[in-house]
Amino acid sequence: MAKTEKIISVGLEDENTVKTVKEIYEPRYEGFWEYDGTEGEWVKDTFKENNKVWCTHSREGFQILDTGEKWAPDGESVEKDIESFQKYLDDTYGKDKYEAYALGAYIHGSVSFAFNKGEDTRCRWDSGTCGFVGINKALKVDLNFYAGTLSDAWNGCIERMWVYDNYEDEPVDEITSLFDNTIIQEWKEKMKKQYGVTDYKNNNGL
């Protein structure tokens, strides 16, 4: 592995020039990622601030996503409950502001959320509907990625990525994997072109 030297300081000692240097091993720039619990809590809070949520209080602690809506499903069918929740959203907050979905949850060790227009059928034993969500139409998010980000936050798996400059001993850029996968991919392409970084090492010590 190649290395370079960075001069930290220059001084005189017994009329001799003394340089303090730091050895820097190539590559100069390295990419890292880690799980960020603080960002995970922010994701859940922001999800509640932007959307309207009714969640079951019966298991898994899903009630922390509930926004206190004065509505409840009648349980005849998920499809009819979605229609009922949509009417509630329109009557309460105005038409064309929120779109109603069932909040599906696949629970098998961790939790995977999904926004559905019917029952969650990903697994006949471990998935089902845990609530109903009015997604704010102004967000214009990719629903699959949005649900994936909420799942990551719930499971403590929100990632922060950054590029570190070994020569200057400081990060030069960073991003948190929130809501828009396109932005993340654009950021990675920028880091590749600007710093030559293509791989990101796990900084959690795993």
C-alpha atoms as a PDB file:
ATOM      1  CA  MET A   1       0.000   0.000   0.000  1.00  0.00           C
ATOM      2  CA  ALA A   2       1.467   3.357  -1.033  1.00  0.00           C
ATOM      3  CA  LYS A   3       1.941   6.135   1.471  1.00  0.00           C
ATOM      4  CA  THR A   4       2.636   9.863   1.503  1.00  0.00           C
ATOM      5  CA  GLU A   5       3.846  12.202   4.223  1.00  0.00           C
ATOM      6  CA  LYS A   6       2.070  15.255   5.543  1.00  0.00           C
ATOM      7  CA  ILE A   7       4.234  17.900   7.240  1.00  0.00           C
ATOM      8  CA  ILE A   8       2.657  18.789  10.562  1.00  0.00           C
ATOM      9  CA  SER A   9       5.216  21.351  11.742  1.00  0.00           C
ATOM     10  CA  VAL A  10       8.713  22.657  11.009  1.00  0.00           C
ATOM     11  CA  GLY A  11      11.091  23.986  13.652  1.00  0.00           C
ATOM     12  CA  LEU A  12      14.721  24.410  14.651  1.00  0.00           C
ATOM     13  CA  GLU A  13      16.472  22.191  17.154  1.00  0.00           C
ATOM     14  CA  ASP A  14      20.199  22.690  17.819  1.00  0.00           C
ATOM     15  CA  GLU A  15      20.403  24.661  14.540  1.00  0.00           C
ATOM     16  CA  ASN A  16      18.932  21.692  12.683  1.00  0.00           C
ATOM     17  CA  THR A  17      15.630  21.826  10.860  1.00  0.00           C
ATOM     18  CA  VAL A  18      13.183  19.399  12.385  1.00  0.00           C
ATOM     19  CA  LYS A  19      10.028  18.339  10.594  1.00  0.00           C
ATOM     20  CA  THR A  20       7.116  16.612  12.227  1.00  0.00           C
ATOM     21  CA  VAL A  21       5.327  14.475   9.680  1.00  0.00           C
ATOM     22  CA  LYS A  22       2.377  12.170   9.538  1.00  0.00           C
ATOM     23  CA  GLU A  23       2.385   9.130   7.302  1.00  0.00           C
ATOM     24  CA  ILE A  24      -0.744   8.904   5.162  1.00  0.00           C
ATOM     25  CA  TYR A  25      -1.498   5.628   3.491  1.00  0.00           C
ATOM     26  CA  GLU A  26      -3.263   5.667   0.163  1.00  0.00           C
ATOM     27  CA  PRO A  27      -5.993   6.003  -0.742  1.00  0.00           C
ATOM     28  CA  ARG A  28      -6.311   9.527   0.577  1.00  0.00           C
ATOM     29  CA  TYR A  29     -10.121   9.366   0.604  1.00  0.00           C
ATOM     30  CA  GLU A  30     -12.122   6.537   2.180  1.00  0.00           C
ATOM     31  CA  GLY A  31     -15.842   5.885   2.450  1.00  0.00           C
ATOM     32  CA  PHE A  32     -17.571   4.793   5.658  1.00  0.00           C
ATOM     33  CA  TRP A  33     -21.084   4.027   6.860  1.00  0.00           C
ATOM     34  CA  GLU A  34     -22.701   3.369  10.230  1.00  0.00           C
ATOM     35  CA  TYR A  35     -26.099   2.914  11.812  1.00  0.00           C
ATOM     36  CA  ASP A  36     -27.404   6.209  13.192  1.00  0.00           C
ATOM     37  CA  GLY A  37     -29.952   5.821  15.988  1.00  0.00           C
ATOM     38  CA  THR A  38     -30.561   9.565  16.291  1.00  0.00           C
ATOM     39  CA  GLU A  39     -31.543   9.796  12.646  1.00  0.00           C
ATOM     40  CA  GLY A  40     -33.797   6.776  13.113  1.00  0.00           C
ATOM     41  CA  GLU A  41     -35.806   8.562  15.795  1.00  0.00           C
ATOM     42  CA  TRP A  42     -35.963  11.645  13.590  1.00  0.00           C
ATOM     43  CA  VAL A  43     -37.372   9.550  10.727  1.00  0.00           C
ATOM     44  CA  LYS A  44     -40.194   8.216  12.894  1.00  0.00           C
ATOM     45  CA  ASP A  45     -40.996  11.673  14.269  1.00  0.00           C
ATOM     46  CA  THR A  46     -40.935  13.237  10.793  1.00  0.00           C
ATOM     47  CA  PHE A  47     -43.155  10.476   9.432  1.00  0.00           C
ATOM     48  CA  LYS A  48     -45.760  11.359  12.057  1.00  0.00           C
ATOM     49  CA  GLU A  49     -45.409  15.105  11.478  1.00  0.00           C
ATOM     50  CA  ASN A  50     -45.996  14.802   7.729  1.00  0.00           C
ATOM     51  CA  ASN A  51     -48.710  12.141   7.595  1.00  0.00           C
ATOM     52  CA  LYS A  52     -51.873  11.045   9.395  1.00  0.00           C
ATOM     53  CA  VAL A  53     -51.685   7.642  11.059  1.00  0.00           C
ATOM     54  CA  TRP A  54     -54.061   5.335  12.899  1.00  0.00           C
ATOM     55  CA  CYS A  55     -52.205   2.369  14.369  1.00  0.00           C
ATOM     56  CA  THR A  56     -53.218  -0.662  16.359  1.00  0.00           C
ATOM     57  CA  HIS A  57     -52.194  -0.595  20.012  1.00  0.00           C
ATOM     58  CA  SER A  58     -52.232  -4.365  20.392  1.00  0.00           C
ATOM     59  CA  ARG A  59     -48.639  -5.400  19.584  1.00  0.00           C
ATOM     60  CA  GLU A  60     -45.070  -4.461  18.641  1.00  0.00           C
ATOM     61  CA  GLY A  61     -45.385  -0.918  20.023  1.00  0.00           C
ATOM     62  CA  PHE A  62     -46.875   0.375  16.771  1.00  0.00           C
ATOM     63  CA  GLN A  63     -48.944   2.883  18.754  1.00  0.00           C
ATOM     64  CA  ILE A  64     -45.969   5.261  18.863  1.00  0.00           C
ATOM     65  CA  LEU A  65     -46.659   5.976  15.174  1.00  0.00           C
ATOM     66  CA  ASP A  66     -50.281   6.924  15.912  1.00  0.00           C
ATOM     67  CA  THR A  67     -51.149  10.610  15.362  1.00  0.00           C
ATOM     68  CA  GLY A  68     -54.318  10.552  17.460  1.00  0.00           C
ATOM     69  CA  GLU A  69     -56.846  10.459  14.641  1.00  0.00           C
ATOM     70  CA  LYS A  70     -60.525  10.434  15.708  1.00  0.00           C
ATOM     71  CA  TRP A  71     -61.301   7.439  13.528  1.00  0.00           C
ATOM     72  CA  ALA A  72     -61.282   3.663  13.826  1.00  0.00           C
ATOM     73  CA  PRO A  73     -61.710   0.816  11.314  1.00  0.00           C
ATOM     74  CA  ASP A  74     -64.891  -1.225  11.415  1.00  0.00           C
ATOM     75  CA  GLY A  75     -62.971  -4.370  10.454  1.00  0.00           C
ATOM     76  CA  GLU A  76     -65.313  -5.606   7.710  1.00  0.00           C
ATOM     77  CA  SER A  77     -62.485  -5.519   5.167  1.00  0.00           C
ATOM     78  CA  VAL A  78     -59.214  -3.658   4.690  1.00  0.00           C
ATOM     79  CA  GLU A  79     -60.448  -2.200   1.405  1.00  0.00           C
ATOM     80  CA  LYS A  80     -63.588  -0.740   3.024  1.00  0.00           C
ATOM     81  CA  ASP A  81     -61.517   0.577   5.931  1.00  0.00           C
ATOM     82  CA  ILE A  82     -59.248   2.371   3.449  1.00  0.00           C
ATOM     83  CA  GLU A  83     -62.326   3.957   1.844  1.00  0.00           C
ATOM     84  CA  SER A  84     -63.590   4.983   5.278  1.00  0.00           C
ATOM     85  CA  PHE A  85     -60.223   6.424   6.286  1.00  0.00           C
ATOM     86  CA  GLN A  86     -60.010   8.343   2.985  1.00  0.00           C
ATOM     87  CA  LYS A  87     -63.423   9.915   3.672  1.00  0.00           C
ATOM     88  CA  TYR A  88     -62.271  10.821   7.184  1.00  0.00           C
ATOM     89  CA  LEU A  89     -59.098  12.444   5.806  1.00  0.00           C
ATOM     90  CA  ASP A  90     -61.024  14.400   3.174  1.00  0.00           C
ATOM     91  CA  ASP A  91     -63.662  15.573   5.641  1.00  0.00           C
ATOM     92  CA  THR A  92     -61.124  16.479   8.336  1.00  0.00           C
ATOM     93  CA  TYR A  93     -58.205  17.926   6.396  1.00  0.00           C
ATOM     94  CA  GLY A  94     -59.596  18.724   2.958  1.00  0.00           C
ATOM     95  CA  LYS A  95     -59.692  16.792  -0.296  1.00  0.00           C
ATOM     96  CA  ASP A  96     -56.546  15.957  -2.259  1.00  0.00           C
ATOM     97  CA  LYS A  97     -54.224  16.528   0.717  1.00  0.00           C
ATOM     98  CA  TYR A  98     -53.751  12.937   1.930  1.00  0.00           C
ATOM     99  CA  GLU A  99     -54.140   9.557   0.253  1.00  0.00           C
ATOM    100  CA  ALA A 100     -55.227   6.625   2.387  1.00  0.00           C
ATOM    101  CA  TYR A 101     -53.322   3.341   2.530  1.00  0.00           C
ATOM    102  CA  ALA A 102     -53.277   0.335   4.798  1.00  0.00           C
ATOM    103  CA  LEU A 103     -50.058   0.126   6.792  1.00  0.00           C
ATOM    104  CA  GLY A 104     -48.826  -3.424   6.318  1.00  0.00           C
ATOM    105  CA  ALA A 105     -46.267  -5.066   8.585  1.00  0.00           C
ATOM    106  CA  TYR A 106     -44.276  -8.214   7.945  1.00  0.00           C
ATOM    107  CA  ILE A 107     -42.981  -9.269  11.358  1.00  0.00           C
ATOM    108  CA  HIS A 108     -40.320 -11.935  11.505  1.00  0.00           C
ATOM    109  CA  GLY A 109     -37.587 -10.904  13.931  1.00  0.00           C
ATOM    110  CA  SER A 110     -37.474  -7.413  12.429  1.00  0.00           C
ATOM    111  CA  VAL A 111     -40.375  -5.402  10.971  1.00  0.00           C
ATOM    112  CA  SER A 112     -40.917  -4.542   7.314  1.00  0.00           C
ATOM    113  CA  PHE A 113     -43.600  -1.915   6.600  1.00  0.00           C
ATOM    114  CA  ALA A 114     -45.552  -1.463   3.371  1.00  0.00           C
ATOM    115  CA  PHE A 115     -48.223   0.949   2.148  1.00  0.00           C
ATOM    116  CA  ASN A 116     -51.011  -1.091   0.545  1.00  0.00           C
ATOM    117  CA  LYS A 117     -54.431  -0.673  -1.033  1.00  0.00           C
ATOM    118  CA  GLY A 118     -55.486  -3.998   0.493  1.00  0.00           C
ATOM    119  CA  GLU A 119     -54.358  -6.607   2.996  1.00  0.00           C
ATOM    120  CA  ASP A 120     -50.623  -7.255   3.350  1.00  0.00           C
ATOM    121  CA  THR A 121     -50.149 -10.693   1.818  1.00  0.00           C
ATOM    122  CA  ARG A 122     -46.362 -10.961   1.787  1.00  0.00           C
ATOM    123  CA  CYS A 123     -46.549 -13.872   4.222  1.00  0.00           C
ATOM    124  CA  ARG A 124     -49.675 -15.808   5.191  1.00  0.00           C
ATOM    125  CA  TRP A 125     -48.394 -16.272   8.744  1.00  0.00           C
ATOM    126  CA  ASP A 126     -46.253 -13.246   9.583  1.00  0.00           C
ATOM    127  CA  SER A 127     -47.744 -10.266   7.733  1.00  0.00           C
ATOM    128  CA  GLY A 128     -50.929  -8.263   8.057  1.00  0.00           C
ATOM    129  CA  THR A 129     -52.394  -4.796   8.494  1.00  0.00           C
ATOM    130  CA  CYS A 130     -51.249  -2.901  11.595  1.00  0.00           C
ATOM    131  CA  GLY A 131     -52.796   0.459  10.806  1.00  0.00           C
ATOM    132  CA  PHE A 132     -53.865   3.007   8.209  1.00  0.00           C
ATOM    133  CA  VAL A 133     -51.902   5.937   6.854  1.00  0.00           C
ATOM    134  CA  GLY A 134     -52.821   9.139   5.079  1.00  0.00           C
ATOM    135  CA  ILE A 135     -49.722   9.930   3.016  1.00  0.00           C
ATOM    136  CA  ASN A 136     -49.220  13.630   2.427  1.00  0.00           C
ATOM    137  CA  LYS A 137     -49.490  14.082  -1.351  1.00  0.00           C
ATOM    138  CA  ALA A 138     -47.192  17.098  -1.243  1.00  0.00           C
ATOM    139  CA  LEU A 139     -44.257  14.839  -0.296  1.00  0.00           C
ATOM    140  CA  LYS A 140     -44.195  13.132  -3.736  1.00  0.00           C
ATOM    141  CA  VAL A 141     -42.139  10.244  -2.375  1.00  0.00           C
ATOM    142  CA  ASP A 142     -41.426   6.794  -3.776  1.00  0.00           C
ATOM    143  CA  LEU A 143     -43.750   4.781  -1.536  1.00  0.00           C
ATOM    144  CA  ASN A 144     -41.654   1.611  -1.582  1.00  0.00           C
ATOM    145  CA  PHE A 145     -38.525   3.491  -0.583  1.00  0.00           C
ATOM    146  CA  TYR A 146     -40.492   5.551   1.962  1.00  0.00           C
ATOM    147  CA  ALA A 147     -41.783   2.361   3.594  1.00  0.00           C
ATOM    148  CA  GLY A 148     -38.273   0.902   3.507  1.00  0.00           C
ATOM    149  CA  THR A 149     -36.851   3.951   5.258  1.00  0.00           C
ATOM    150  CA  LEU A 150     -39.531   3.743   7.954  1.00  0.00           C
ATOM    151  CA  SER A 151     -38.680   0.045   8.345  1.00  0.00           C
ATOM    152  CA  ASP A 152     -34.976   0.860   8.697  1.00  0.00           C
ATOM    153  CA  ALA A 153     -35.778   3.484  11.332  1.00  0.00           C
ATOM    154  CA  TRP A 154     -37.996   1.065  13.253  1.00  0.00           C
ATOM    155  CA  ASN A 155     -35.304  -1.625  13.200  1.00  0.00           C
ATOM    156  CA  GLY A 156     -32.462   0.778  14.092  1.00  0.00           C
ATOM    157  CA  CYS A 157     -30.847   0.450  10.674  1.00  0.00           C
ATOM    158  CA  ILE A 158     -30.745   4.003   9.319  1.00  0.00           C
ATOM    159  CA  GLU A 159     -27.379   4.477   7.653  1.00  0.00           C
ATOM    160  CA  ARG A 160     -25.145   7.526   7.578  1.00  0.00           C
ATOM    161  CA  MET A 161     -22.442   7.539   4.890  1.00  0.00           C
ATOM    162  CA  TRP A 162     -19.456   9.814   4.591  1.00  0.00           C
ATOM    163  CA  VAL A 163     -16.141  10.292   2.812  1.00  0.00           C
ATOM    164  CA  TYR A 164     -13.084  10.910   4.991  1.00  0.00           C
ATOM    165  CA  ASP A 165      -9.923  12.755   3.963  1.00  0.00           C
ATOM    166  CA  ASN A 166      -7.000  10.915   5.585  1.00  0.00           C
ATOM    167  CA  TYR A 167      -4.609  13.726   4.677  1.00  0.00           C
ATOM    168  CA  GLU A 168      -6.581  16.498   6.364  1.00  0.00           C
ATOM    169  CA  ASP A 169      -8.046  14.272   9.110  1.00  0.00           C
ATOM    170  CA  GLU A 170     -11.626  15.355   8.457  1.00  0.00           C
ATOM    171  CA  PRO A 171     -14.756  14.287   6.583  1.00  0.00           C
ATOM    172  CA  VAL A 172     -15.353  16.051   3.281  1.00  0.00           C
ATOM    173  CA  ASP A 173     -18.982  15.070   2.653  1.00  0.00           C
ATOM    174  CA  GLU A 174     -21.766  12.939   4.137  1.00  0.00           C
ATOM    175  CA  ILE A 175     -25.360  11.854   3.608  1.00  0.00           C
ATOM    176  CA  THR A 176     -28.034   9.980   5.534  1.00  0.00           C
ATOM    177  CA  SER A 177     -30.105   7.386   3.678  1.00  0.00           C
ATOM    178  CA  LEU A 178     -33.484   9.056   4.006  1.00  0.00           C
ATOM    179  CA  PHE A 179     -36.571   8.874   1.797  1.00  0.00           C
ATOM    180  CA  ASP A 180     -35.133   9.345  -1.708  1.00  0.00           C
ATOM    181  CA  ASN A 181     -32.911   6.626  -3.130  1.00  0.00           C
ATOM    182  CA  THR A 182     -32.234   8.743  -6.238  1.00  0.00           C
ATOM    183  CA  ILE A 183     -30.506  11.399  -4.125  1.00  0.00           C
ATOM    184  CA  ILE A 184     -28.335   8.750  -2.454  1.00  0.00           C
ATOM    185  CA  GLN A 185     -27.277   7.264  -5.781  1.00  0.00           C
ATOM    186  CA  GLU A 186     -26.480  10.736  -7.133  1.00  0.00           C
ATOM    187  CA  TRP A 187     -24.392  11.434  -4.027  1.00  0.00           C
ATOM    188  CA  LYS A 188     -22.455   8.183  -4.477  1.00  0.00           C
ATOM    189  CA  GLU A 189     -21.768   9.036  -8.111  1.00  0.00           C
ATOM    190  CA  LYS A 190     -20.521  12.460  -7.050  1.00  0.00           C
ATOM    191  CA  MET A 191     -18.185  10.903  -4.462  1.00  0.00           C
ATOM    192  CA  LYS A 192     -16.890   8.482  -7.077  1.00  0.00           C
ATOM    193  CA  LYS A 193     -16.090  11.248  -9.559  1.00  0.00           C
ATOM    194  CA  GLN A 194     -14.750  13.735  -7.024  1.00  0.00           C
ATOM    195  CA  TYR A 195     -12.834  11.474  -4.647  1.00  0.00           C
ATOM    196  CA  GLY A 196     -12.626   8.090  -6.345  1.00  0.00           C
ATOM    197  CA  VAL A 197     -14.618   6.414  -3.559  1.00  0.00           C
ATOM    198  CA  THR A 198     -16.668   3.381  -4.559  1.00  0.00           C
ATOM    199  CA  ASP A 199     -16.728   1.285  -1.351  1.00  0.00           C
ATOM    200  CA  TYR A 200     -17.995   2.201   2.119  1.00  0.00           C
ATOM    201  CA  LYS A 201     -16.629   0.446   5.219  1.00  0.00           C
ATOM    202  CA  ASN A 202     -18.795  -0.411   8.208  1.00  0.00           C
ATOM    203  CA  ASN A 203     -17.809   1.936  11.055  1.00  0.00           C
ATOM    204  CA  ASN A 204     -19.943   0.169  13.707  1.00  0.00           C
ATOM    205  CA  GLY A 205     -17.230  -2.384  14.384  1.00  0.00           C
ATOM    206  CA  LEU A 206     -19.335  -5.226  13.020  1.00  0.00           C
END
